[in-house]
Structures are given as structure tokens and as C-alpha cells.
Amino acid sequence: MKIIVTSIFVQDQDKALEFYTETLGFVKKEDVPVGEFRWITLVSPDDQDGTELLLEPNDHPAAKEYQKKIFADGIPATMFGVADIHKEYKRLMEKGVKFTMEPTEMGEVTIAVLDDTCGNLIQIVQK
């Protein structure tokens, strides 16, 4: 068994698609209409057959409440790995990305936390 798709709630699928592709650098894999929303998945440009990230609409009240509460408490919704966190931090800062935590060593890893502009905090990590 392996993870093939994981999801993240987003407030606006179009805005999320733009941020995750144009700013973070993911590649769109699927974009299929499903009723009033779309099945939009992204993959890493380095592993286009790897795990897909689904941009899931937060249309359900429980999803909105969950997303709002973890954001307010400073809890990242997910984590992405990077090869060089200081280089990635600089690249994203130059694109106007807001960070709630700059690169910080935590034992054997270095982490930073950014705001995805779609209702989530995202942690990036270098192992």
C-alpha cells in the first residue's frame, strides 16, 4: 500500500492553483470538472508520477472550521520537503510569500512556515 493522493483544503481553487504552481513550482497533473468544483491535483516537477496533492474546496462547514482553527493556532496543514531551505526561503521571499517562521533548526531538520494565501500554513523542511 502507498499514498497516491493527499489533499489540502483551499478557499479558492483557482487562487490555490496559481499559488501552488506559479509560486511554489508544483506541476498540474489533473484538472477535471466535478459538479461546481474541480478535481485539481499537483505533483512535484521532480517526481511527476509520485504522490499527488489534491486542492480540495473547503465548501463543507466542518472543513472551513477545521482550516480556520488550525491556521489560527499556527498549525501547518501539511509539510513539503526541500533540498536547501535557505535557498527556497530566499526564492519565496523574493516572490512576496509571507512566512510565519523563518528557517529554524529543530534537531536534525530545519523548518520554515509560510502562508499559502488560501487559508493554510505550510511547513517546508530540509532533512
N, C-alpha and C. Protein backbone atom coordinates (compact mmCIF):
# COMPACT_ATOMS: atom_id res chain seq x y z
N MET A 1 0.85 -1.17 0.00
CA MET A 1 0.00 0.00 0.00
C MET A 1 0.90 1.24 0.00
N LYS A 2 0.48 2.27 -0.74
CA LYS A 2 1.24 3.51 -0.75
C LYS A 2 0.28 4.69 -0.89
N ILE A 3 0.74 5.86 -0.50
CA ILE A 3 -0.07 7.07 -0.61
C ILE A 3 0.02 7.55 -2.05
N ILE A 4 -1.14 7.70 -2.71
CA ILE A 4 -1.14 8.17 -4.09
C ILE A 4 -1.68 9.59 -4.21
N VAL A 5 -2.62 9.95 -3.31
CA VAL A 5 -3.17 11.31 -3.30
C VAL A 5 -3.35 11.73 -1.85
N THR A 6 -2.97 12.95 -1.56
CA THR A 6 -3.27 13.56 -0.28
C THR A 6 -3.90 14.91 -0.59
N SER A 7 -4.68 15.45 0.33
CA SER A 7 -5.39 16.68 0.00
C SER A 7 -5.13 17.78 1.01
N ILE A 8 -5.40 18.98 0.55
CA ILE A 8 -5.33 20.16 1.40
C ILE A 8 -6.56 21.01 1.09
N PHE A 9 -7.24 21.49 2.14
CA PHE A 9 -8.40 22.34 1.92
C PHE A 9 -7.94 23.72 1.45
N VAL A 10 -8.65 24.27 0.48
CA VAL A 10 -8.35 25.61 -0.03
C VAL A 10 -9.64 26.41 -0.13
N GLN A 11 -9.51 27.72 0.06
CA GLN A 11 -10.68 28.60 0.00
C GLN A 11 -11.10 28.88 -1.44
N ASP A 12 -10.15 28.87 -2.35
CA ASP A 12 -10.43 29.22 -3.75
C ASP A 12 -9.50 28.36 -4.63
N GLN A 13 -10.08 27.47 -5.41
CA GLN A 13 -9.26 26.55 -6.20
C GLN A 13 -8.41 27.25 -7.24
N ASP A 14 -8.94 28.28 -7.90
CA ASP A 14 -8.15 28.98 -8.92
C ASP A 14 -6.95 29.70 -8.29
N LYS A 15 -7.19 30.39 -7.18
CA LYS A 15 -6.11 31.09 -6.48
C LYS A 15 -5.07 30.09 -5.98
N ALA A 16 -5.53 28.96 -5.45
CA ALA A 16 -4.62 27.93 -4.95
C ALA A 16 -3.80 27.34 -6.10
N LEU A 17 -4.45 27.07 -7.22
CA LEU A 17 -3.73 26.52 -8.37
C LEU A 17 -2.63 27.47 -8.81
N GLU A 18 -2.93 28.74 -8.87
CA GLU A 18 -1.93 29.74 -9.25
C GLU A 18 -0.77 29.78 -8.26
N PHE A 19 -1.08 29.81 -6.96
CA PHE A 19 -0.03 29.90 -5.95
C PHE A 19 0.85 28.65 -5.94
N TYR A 20 0.21 27.49 -5.97
CA TYR A 20 0.97 26.24 -5.86
C TYR A 20 1.79 25.93 -7.12
N THR A 21 1.35 26.41 -8.27
CA THR A 21 2.13 26.17 -9.49
C THR A 21 3.10 27.31 -9.76
N GLU A 22 2.61 28.54 -9.82
CA GLU A 22 3.46 29.66 -10.21
C GLU A 22 4.42 30.12 -9.11
N THR A 23 4.01 30.00 -7.86
CA THR A 23 4.87 30.45 -6.76
C THR A 23 5.71 29.31 -6.18
N LEU A 24 5.03 28.21 -5.82
CA LEU A 24 5.77 27.11 -5.21
C LEU A 24 6.48 26.22 -6.23
N GLY A 25 5.92 26.13 -7.45
CA GLY A 25 6.60 25.37 -8.50
C GLY A 25 6.09 23.97 -8.74
N PHE A 26 4.93 23.62 -8.17
CA PHE A 26 4.36 22.32 -8.46
C PHE A 26 3.81 22.30 -9.89
N VAL A 27 3.55 21.11 -10.40
CA VAL A 27 3.05 20.92 -11.76
C VAL A 27 1.62 20.38 -11.69
N LYS A 28 0.72 20.98 -12.47
CA LYS A 28 -0.66 20.49 -12.52
C LYS A 28 -0.69 19.14 -13.22
N LYS A 29 -1.32 18.15 -12.57
CA LYS A 29 -1.45 16.82 -13.17
C LYS A 29 -2.86 16.59 -13.67
N GLU A 30 -3.85 16.88 -12.84
CA GLU A 30 -5.26 16.68 -13.21
C GLU A 30 -6.02 17.99 -12.98
N ASP A 31 -6.99 18.25 -13.83
CA ASP A 31 -7.89 19.39 -13.65
C ASP A 31 -9.19 19.02 -14.35
N VAL A 32 -10.08 18.37 -13.58
CA VAL A 32 -11.29 17.80 -14.14
C VAL A 32 -12.51 18.40 -13.45
N PRO A 33 -13.51 18.88 -14.22
CA PRO A 33 -14.73 19.39 -13.59
C PRO A 33 -15.45 18.29 -12.81
N VAL A 34 -15.90 18.64 -11.60
CA VAL A 34 -16.68 17.72 -10.76
C VAL A 34 -17.79 18.55 -10.13
N GLY A 35 -18.93 18.64 -10.80
CA GLY A 35 -20.01 19.48 -10.30
C GLY A 35 -19.58 20.94 -10.34
N GLU A 36 -19.79 21.65 -9.24
CA GLU A 36 -19.43 23.08 -9.21
C GLU A 36 -17.95 23.30 -8.93
N PHE A 37 -17.23 22.25 -8.58
CA PHE A 37 -15.80 22.36 -8.30
C PHE A 37 -14.99 21.54 -9.31
N ARG A 38 -13.69 21.40 -9.04
CA ARG A 38 -12.82 20.63 -9.94
C ARG A 38 -11.94 19.70 -9.13
N TRP A 39 -11.53 18.60 -9.77
CA TRP A 39 -10.55 17.68 -9.20
C TRP A 39 -9.21 18.16 -9.73
N ILE A 40 -8.50 18.93 -8.89
CA ILE A 40 -7.21 19.51 -9.30
C ILE A 40 -6.12 18.85 -8.45
N THR A 41 -5.20 18.18 -9.13
CA THR A 41 -4.07 17.61 -8.41
C THR A 41 -2.77 18.16 -8.97
N LEU A 42 -1.79 18.21 -8.08
CA LEU A 42 -0.46 18.73 -8.41
C LEU A 42 0.57 17.67 -8.04
N VAL A 43 1.71 17.74 -8.71
CA VAL A 43 2.83 16.86 -8.38
C VAL A 43 4.11 17.66 -8.37
N SER A 44 5.12 17.07 -7.79
CA SER A 44 6.44 17.67 -7.81
C SER A 44 7.00 17.59 -9.23
N PRO A 45 7.66 18.65 -9.71
CA PRO A 45 8.25 18.57 -11.04
C PRO A 45 9.33 17.50 -11.13
N ASP A 46 9.89 17.12 -9.98
CA ASP A 46 10.94 16.11 -9.94
C ASP A 46 10.41 14.69 -9.84
N ASP A 47 9.10 14.53 -9.60
CA ASP A 47 8.50 13.20 -9.43
C ASP A 47 7.06 13.25 -9.93
N GLN A 48 6.89 13.39 -11.24
CA GLN A 48 5.56 13.59 -11.80
C GLN A 48 4.68 12.35 -11.75
N ASP A 49 5.24 11.21 -11.38
CA ASP A 49 4.44 10.01 -11.16
C ASP A 49 4.27 9.73 -9.68
N GLY A 50 4.70 10.66 -8.85
CA GLY A 50 4.65 10.48 -7.40
C GLY A 50 3.32 10.88 -6.80
N THR A 51 3.32 11.05 -5.50
CA THR A 51 2.11 11.41 -4.74
C THR A 51 1.54 12.72 -5.26
N GLU A 52 0.21 12.73 -5.44
CA GLU A 52 -0.49 13.92 -5.93
C GLU A 52 -1.08 14.69 -4.75
N LEU A 53 -1.06 16.01 -4.86
CA LEU A 53 -1.68 16.89 -3.88
C LEU A 53 -2.99 17.40 -4.47
N LEU A 54 -4.09 17.07 -3.82
CA LEU A 54 -5.42 17.50 -4.27
C LEU A 54 -5.77 18.82 -3.61
N LEU A 55 -6.15 19.81 -4.43
CA LEU A 55 -6.62 21.10 -3.92
C LEU A 55 -8.12 20.98 -3.67
N GLU A 56 -8.46 20.64 -2.47
CA GLU A 56 -9.82 20.29 -2.06
C GLU A 56 -10.59 21.54 -1.61
N PRO A 57 -11.73 21.84 -2.23
CA PRO A 57 -12.51 23.01 -1.79
C PRO A 57 -12.96 22.84 -0.34
N ASN A 58 -12.89 23.91 0.44
CA ASN A 58 -13.32 23.85 1.84
C ASN A 58 -14.79 24.20 1.96
N ASP A 59 -15.59 23.78 1.02
CA ASP A 59 -17.00 24.14 0.96
C ASP A 59 -17.83 23.63 2.14
N HIS A 60 -17.46 22.51 2.71
CA HIS A 60 -18.22 21.94 3.83
C HIS A 60 -17.93 22.74 5.10
N PRO A 61 -18.95 23.03 5.92
CA PRO A 61 -18.73 23.82 7.14
C PRO A 61 -17.66 23.23 8.06
N ALA A 62 -17.58 21.91 8.17
CA ALA A 62 -16.57 21.29 9.02
C ALA A 62 -15.18 21.55 8.47
N ALA A 63 -15.03 21.54 7.15
CA ALA A 63 -13.74 21.82 6.53
C ALA A 63 -13.32 23.26 6.79
N LYS A 64 -14.25 24.19 6.65
CA LYS A 64 -13.96 25.60 6.91
C LYS A 64 -13.52 25.80 8.35
N GLU A 65 -14.25 25.19 9.28
CA GLU A 65 -13.94 25.35 10.70
C GLU A 65 -12.58 24.74 11.04
N TYR A 66 -12.31 23.55 10.52
CA TYR A 66 -11.01 22.89 10.74
C TYR A 66 -9.88 23.76 10.21
N GLN A 67 -10.02 24.22 8.97
CA GLN A 67 -8.98 25.02 8.34
C GLN A 67 -8.74 26.31 9.14
N LYS A 68 -9.82 26.97 9.51
CA LYS A 68 -9.70 28.23 10.25
C LYS A 68 -9.03 28.03 11.61
N LYS A 69 -9.38 26.96 12.31
CA LYS A 69 -8.84 26.73 13.66
C LYS A 69 -7.36 26.35 13.63
N ILE A 70 -6.96 25.47 12.71
CA ILE A 70 -5.53 25.10 12.72
C ILE A 70 -4.67 26.28 12.27
N PHE A 71 -5.21 27.10 11.35
CA PHE A 71 -4.48 28.30 10.92
C PHE A 71 -4.31 29.25 12.10
N ALA A 72 -5.40 29.51 12.82
CA ALA A 72 -5.36 30.43 13.97
C ALA A 72 -4.39 29.95 15.05
N ASP A 73 -4.28 28.63 15.20
CA ASP A 73 -3.37 28.07 16.21
C ASP A 73 -1.95 27.91 15.69
N GLY A 74 -1.70 28.31 14.44
CA GLY A 74 -0.35 28.24 13.89
C GLY A 74 0.09 26.85 13.48
N ILE A 75 -0.86 25.96 13.22
CA ILE A 75 -0.54 24.57 12.88
C ILE A 75 -0.49 24.42 11.36
N PRO A 76 0.64 23.99 10.82
CA PRO A 76 0.72 23.78 9.37
C PRO A 76 -0.23 22.67 8.92
N ALA A 77 -0.83 22.87 7.75
CA ALA A 77 -1.76 21.89 7.19
C ALA A 77 -1.03 20.71 6.58
N THR A 78 0.19 20.95 6.11
CA THR A 78 1.00 19.88 5.52
C THR A 78 2.45 20.30 5.51
N MET A 79 3.31 19.41 5.04
CA MET A 79 4.75 19.66 5.02
C MET A 79 5.31 19.25 3.66
N PHE A 80 6.18 20.10 3.11
CA PHE A 80 6.86 19.80 1.86
C PHE A 80 8.37 19.79 2.11
N GLY A 81 9.05 18.83 1.51
CA GLY A 81 10.49 18.74 1.66
C GLY A 81 11.21 19.57 0.62
N VAL A 82 12.31 20.18 1.02
CA VAL A 82 13.15 20.97 0.10
C VAL A 82 14.59 20.56 0.30
N ALA A 83 15.39 20.71 -0.75
CA ALA A 83 16.81 20.33 -0.69
C ALA A 83 17.62 21.36 0.07
N ASP A 84 17.32 22.65 -0.12
CA ASP A 84 18.07 23.73 0.52
C ASP A 84 17.07 24.76 1.03
N ILE A 85 16.76 24.70 2.30
CA ILE A 85 15.70 25.54 2.86
C ILE A 85 16.04 27.03 2.81
N HIS A 86 17.30 27.38 2.96
CA HIS A 86 17.67 28.80 2.93
C HIS A 86 17.52 29.36 1.52
N LYS A 87 17.89 28.59 0.53
CA LYS A 87 17.71 29.00 -0.87
C LYS A 87 16.22 29.11 -1.21
N GLU A 88 15.42 28.15 -0.77
CA GLU A 88 13.98 28.17 -1.04
C GLU A 88 13.31 29.33 -0.31
N TYR A 89 13.70 29.57 0.93
CA TYR A 89 13.17 30.69 1.70
C TYR A 89 13.44 32.01 0.97
N LYS A 90 14.67 32.20 0.51
CA LYS A 90 15.03 33.42 -0.20
C LYS A 90 14.23 33.55 -1.50
N ARG A 91 14.12 32.45 -2.26
CA ARG A 91 13.37 32.47 -3.52
C ARG A 91 11.91 32.86 -3.28
N LEU A 92 11.30 32.27 -2.27
CA LEU A 92 9.89 32.55 -1.99
C LEU A 92 9.69 33.95 -1.42
N MET A 93 10.61 34.42 -0.59
CA MET A 93 10.52 35.79 -0.08
C MET A 93 10.56 36.78 -1.24
N GLU A 94 11.42 36.52 -2.22
CA GLU A 94 11.52 37.40 -3.39
C GLU A 94 10.24 37.40 -4.22
N LYS A 95 9.43 36.34 -4.09
CA LYS A 95 8.14 36.28 -4.79
C LYS A 95 7.01 36.85 -3.94
N GLY A 96 7.34 37.38 -2.77
CA GLY A 96 6.34 38.01 -1.91
C GLY A 96 5.63 37.07 -0.95
N VAL A 97 6.11 35.85 -0.80
CA VAL A 97 5.48 34.91 0.12
C VAL A 97 5.73 35.36 1.55
N LYS A 98 4.69 35.27 2.37
CA LYS A 98 4.78 35.64 3.78
C LYS A 98 5.08 34.40 4.62
N PHE A 99 6.07 34.51 5.47
CA PHE A 99 6.44 33.43 6.36
C PHE A 99 6.04 33.78 7.79
N THR A 100 5.56 32.78 8.53
CA THR A 100 5.27 32.97 9.95
C THR A 100 6.42 32.45 10.79
N MET A 101 7.33 31.68 10.15
CA MET A 101 8.55 31.21 10.82
C MET A 101 9.66 31.14 9.78
N GLU A 102 10.75 31.84 10.04
CA GLU A 102 11.89 31.77 9.13
C GLU A 102 12.61 30.44 9.39
N PRO A 103 13.56 30.06 8.52
CA PRO A 103 14.25 28.78 8.73
C PRO A 103 14.83 28.67 10.14
N THR A 104 14.44 27.59 10.80
CA THR A 104 14.81 27.35 12.19
C THR A 104 15.26 25.91 12.36
N GLU A 105 16.42 25.72 12.95
CA GLU A 105 16.91 24.37 13.20
C GLU A 105 16.13 23.75 14.35
N MET A 106 15.69 22.52 14.11
CA MET A 106 14.96 21.73 15.11
C MET A 106 15.58 20.34 15.13
N GLY A 107 16.62 20.19 15.92
CA GLY A 107 17.31 18.91 15.93
C GLY A 107 18.00 18.66 14.61
N GLU A 108 17.63 17.58 13.94
CA GLU A 108 18.29 17.19 12.69
C GLU A 108 17.62 17.79 11.45
N VAL A 109 16.60 18.59 11.63
CA VAL A 109 15.92 19.20 10.49
C VAL A 109 15.89 20.72 10.66
N THR A 110 15.68 21.41 9.55
CA THR A 110 15.46 22.86 9.57
C THR A 110 14.10 23.08 8.94
N ILE A 111 13.25 23.86 9.61
CA ILE A 111 11.90 24.10 9.11
C ILE A 111 11.63 25.58 8.96
N ALA A 112 10.65 25.90 8.12
CA ALA A 112 10.12 27.25 7.98
C ALA A 112 8.62 27.08 7.71
N VAL A 113 7.84 28.10 8.01
CA VAL A 113 6.39 28.02 7.80
C VAL A 113 5.94 29.23 7.00
N LEU A 114 5.15 28.95 5.94
CA LEU A 114 4.65 30.01 5.08
C LEU A 114 3.13 30.01 5.01
N ASP A 115 2.57 31.13 4.60
CA ASP A 115 1.14 31.30 4.40
C ASP A 115 0.86 31.10 2.92
N ASP A 116 -0.01 30.14 2.59
CA ASP A 116 -0.27 29.84 1.17
C ASP A 116 -1.31 30.77 0.53
N THR A 117 -1.80 31.75 1.23
CA THR A 117 -2.80 32.72 0.77
C THR A 117 -4.17 32.11 0.51
N CYS A 118 -4.33 30.83 0.84
CA CYS A 118 -5.59 30.11 0.58
C CYS A 118 -6.15 29.50 1.86
N GLY A 119 -5.69 30.04 3.01
CA GLY A 119 -6.22 29.59 4.29
C GLY A 119 -5.35 28.60 5.04
N ASN A 120 -4.11 28.38 4.57
CA ASN A 120 -3.26 27.36 5.19
C ASN A 120 -1.87 27.88 5.52
N LEU A 121 -1.32 27.31 6.55
CA LEU A 121 0.10 27.44 6.82
C LEU A 121 0.75 26.16 6.28
N ILE A 122 1.87 26.33 5.60
CA ILE A 122 2.59 25.21 5.02
C ILE A 122 3.99 25.19 5.60
N GLN A 123 4.40 24.04 6.08
CA GLN A 123 5.75 23.90 6.61
C GLN A 123 6.64 23.33 5.53
N ILE A 124 7.81 23.95 5.35
CA ILE A 124 8.81 23.36 4.47
C ILE A 124 9.94 22.86 5.36
N VAL A 125 10.56 21.77 4.96
CA VAL A 125 11.55 21.13 5.82
C VAL A 125 12.74 20.65 4.98
N GLN A 126 13.91 20.82 5.55
CA GLN A 126 15.13 20.26 4.98
C GLN A 126 15.68 19.27 5.99
N LYS A 127 15.84 18.03 5.56
CA LYS A 127 16.39 16.99 6.46
C LYS A 127 17.87 16.88 6.26
